[in-house]
Protein backbone atom coordinates (compact mmCIF):
# COMPACT_ATOMS: atom_id res chain seq x y z
CA UNK A 1 -4.89 5.94 -28.67
CA UNK A 2 -1.99 8.25 -29.37
CA UNK A 3 -0.78 11.41 -27.70
CA UNK A 4 -3.57 13.93 -27.00
CA UNK A 5 -6.11 11.09 -27.08
CA UNK A 6 -6.15 10.80 -30.86
CA UNK A 7 -7.85 7.60 -32.03
CA UNK A 8 -5.45 5.25 -33.79
CA UNK A 9 -6.30 4.94 -37.48
CA UNK A 10 -6.27 2.27 -38.67
CA UNK A 11 -6.78 0.25 -35.50
CA UNK A 12 -4.04 -2.08 -34.29
CA UNK A 13 -3.48 -4.77 -36.92
CA UNK A 14 -2.40 -8.41 -36.65
CA UNK A 15 1.29 -8.80 -35.75
CA UNK A 16 1.63 -5.14 -34.75
CA UNK A 17 3.25 -4.39 -31.43
CA UNK A 18 1.63 -2.36 -28.69
CA UNK A 19 3.96 -0.36 -26.42
CA UNK A 20 7.14 -2.02 -27.73
CA UNK A 21 9.24 1.01 -26.68
CA UNK A 22 8.65 -0.01 -23.03
CA UNK A 23 10.79 -3.08 -23.70
CA UNK A 24 13.83 -1.02 -24.71
CA UNK A 25 13.55 2.37 -22.96
CA UNK A 26 11.87 4.04 -20.00
CA UNK A 27 8.44 4.72 -21.49
CA UNK A 28 5.42 6.71 -20.43
CA UNK A 29 2.21 5.42 -21.98
CA UNK A 30 0.75 7.89 -24.44
CA UNK A 31 -2.95 7.21 -24.00
CA UNK A 32 -5.60 4.62 -23.24
CA UNK A 33 -6.19 1.30 -24.94
CA UNK A 34 -9.74 0.24 -25.67
CA UNK A 35 -10.47 -2.94 -27.58
CA UNK A 36 -13.27 -3.26 -30.10
CA UNK A 37 -13.04 -7.04 -30.52
CA UNK A 38 -11.39 -10.00 -28.78
CA UNK A 39 -7.68 -10.49 -29.34
CA UNK A 40 -4.47 -11.65 -27.70
CA UNK A 41 -2.21 -9.62 -25.46
CA UNK A 42 1.18 -10.87 -24.36
CA UNK A 43 2.88 -8.98 -21.56
CA UNK A 44 6.65 -9.05 -21.14
CA UNK A 45 8.38 -7.65 -18.07
CA UNK A 46 11.36 -5.73 -19.42
CA UNK A 47 13.53 -6.52 -16.37
CA UNK A 48 12.93 -10.27 -16.61
CA UNK A 49 13.37 -10.15 -20.38
CA UNK A 50 16.77 -8.46 -20.00
CA UNK A 51 17.89 -10.89 -17.27
CA UNK A 52 16.96 -13.90 -19.41
CA UNK A 53 18.54 -12.53 -22.58
CA UNK A 54 21.85 -11.75 -20.88
CA UNK A 55 22.20 -15.45 -20.00
CA UNK A 56 22.53 -16.29 -23.69
CA UNK A 57 25.17 -14.52 -25.77
CA UNK A 58 23.58 -14.76 -29.22
CA UNK A 59 20.05 -13.64 -28.26
CA UNK A 60 21.52 -10.89 -26.06
CA UNK A 61 23.69 -9.58 -28.91
CA UNK A 62 20.78 -9.78 -31.34
CA UNK A 63 18.48 -7.88 -28.95
CA UNK A 64 21.16 -5.30 -28.23
CA UNK A 65 21.65 -4.57 -31.93
CA UNK A 66 17.90 -4.34 -32.47
CA UNK A 67 17.44 -2.12 -29.40
CA UNK A 68 20.16 0.32 -30.47
CA UNK A 69 18.58 0.65 -33.92
CA UNK A 70 15.10 0.91 -32.39
CA UNK A 71 16.19 3.71 -30.04
CA UNK A 72 17.82 5.63 -32.90
CA UNK A 73 14.59 5.42 -34.89
CA UNK A 74 12.53 6.33 -31.82
CA UNK A 75 14.66 9.42 -31.16
CA UNK A 76 14.10 10.55 -34.75
CA UNK A 77 10.32 10.72 -34.24
CA UNK A 78 8.97 14.14 -33.27
CA UNK A 79 7.50 14.10 -29.74
CA UNK A 80 4.05 15.04 -31.04
CA UNK A 81 4.12 12.00 -33.36
CA UNK A 82 4.95 9.44 -30.66
CA UNK A 83 2.40 6.74 -29.96
CA UNK A 84 2.14 3.48 -28.04
CA UNK A 85 1.74 1.86 -31.47
CA UNK A 86 4.71 2.36 -33.76
CA UNK A 87 4.00 1.10 -37.22
CA UNK A 88 6.43 -0.43 -39.68
CA UNK A 89 6.59 2.87 -41.56
CA UNK A 90 7.54 4.71 -38.35
CA UNK A 91 10.62 2.72 -37.39
CA UNK A 92 11.16 -0.02 -39.99
CA UNK A 93 11.19 -2.87 -37.50
CA UNK A 94 11.34 -5.64 -40.10
CA UNK A 95 14.43 -4.03 -41.66
CA UNK A 96 16.08 -3.85 -38.23
CA UNK A 97 15.31 -7.55 -37.63
CA UNK A 98 16.67 -8.44 -41.07
CA UNK A 99 19.82 -6.41 -40.41
CA UNK A 100 20.39 -8.17 -37.09
CA UNK A 101 19.76 -11.59 -38.66
CA UNK A 102 22.26 -10.88 -41.43
CA UNK A 103 24.83 -9.77 -38.83
CA UNK A 104 24.51 -12.94 -36.77
CA UNK A 105 23.76 -15.45 -39.51
CA UNK A 106 25.69 -14.14 -42.55
CA UNK A 107 25.89 -17.51 -44.28
CA UNK A 108 22.16 -18.26 -44.10
CA UNK A 109 20.40 -17.81 -47.45
CA UNK A 110 17.80 -15.04 -47.28
CA UNK A 111 15.05 -17.39 -48.39
CA UNK A 112 15.47 -19.59 -45.32
CA UNK A 113 15.50 -16.76 -42.77
CA UNK A 114 12.00 -15.77 -41.76
CA UNK A 115 11.27 -13.47 -38.87
CA UNK A 116 7.61 -14.47 -38.64
CA UNK A 117 6.81 -10.98 -37.45
CA UNK A 118 6.29 -8.65 -40.40
């Protein structure tokens, strides 16, 4: 459900993130989540995630680059269009992942780099 209790259309799809902004910024949930069928939900505590990532230089740098890009895209969305579900068209997450991968693994052929997410 988005802001003003608008029903999400289409419903959350496979491999889409739910409330990803809460991982990168202080986030207030925009609505209620009601499931229509069984699925998987993985919860990540943003504080523990940050503490673990900062122990490892490469993942930390990768996440930092992604988070900066994510926040820039998030800030470009009009407040009335914000939702707990940000689709690929909203922020271009796969492009941000690809950009970060190219930055950290410039010699890896594109065909062998797969994000497995989008």
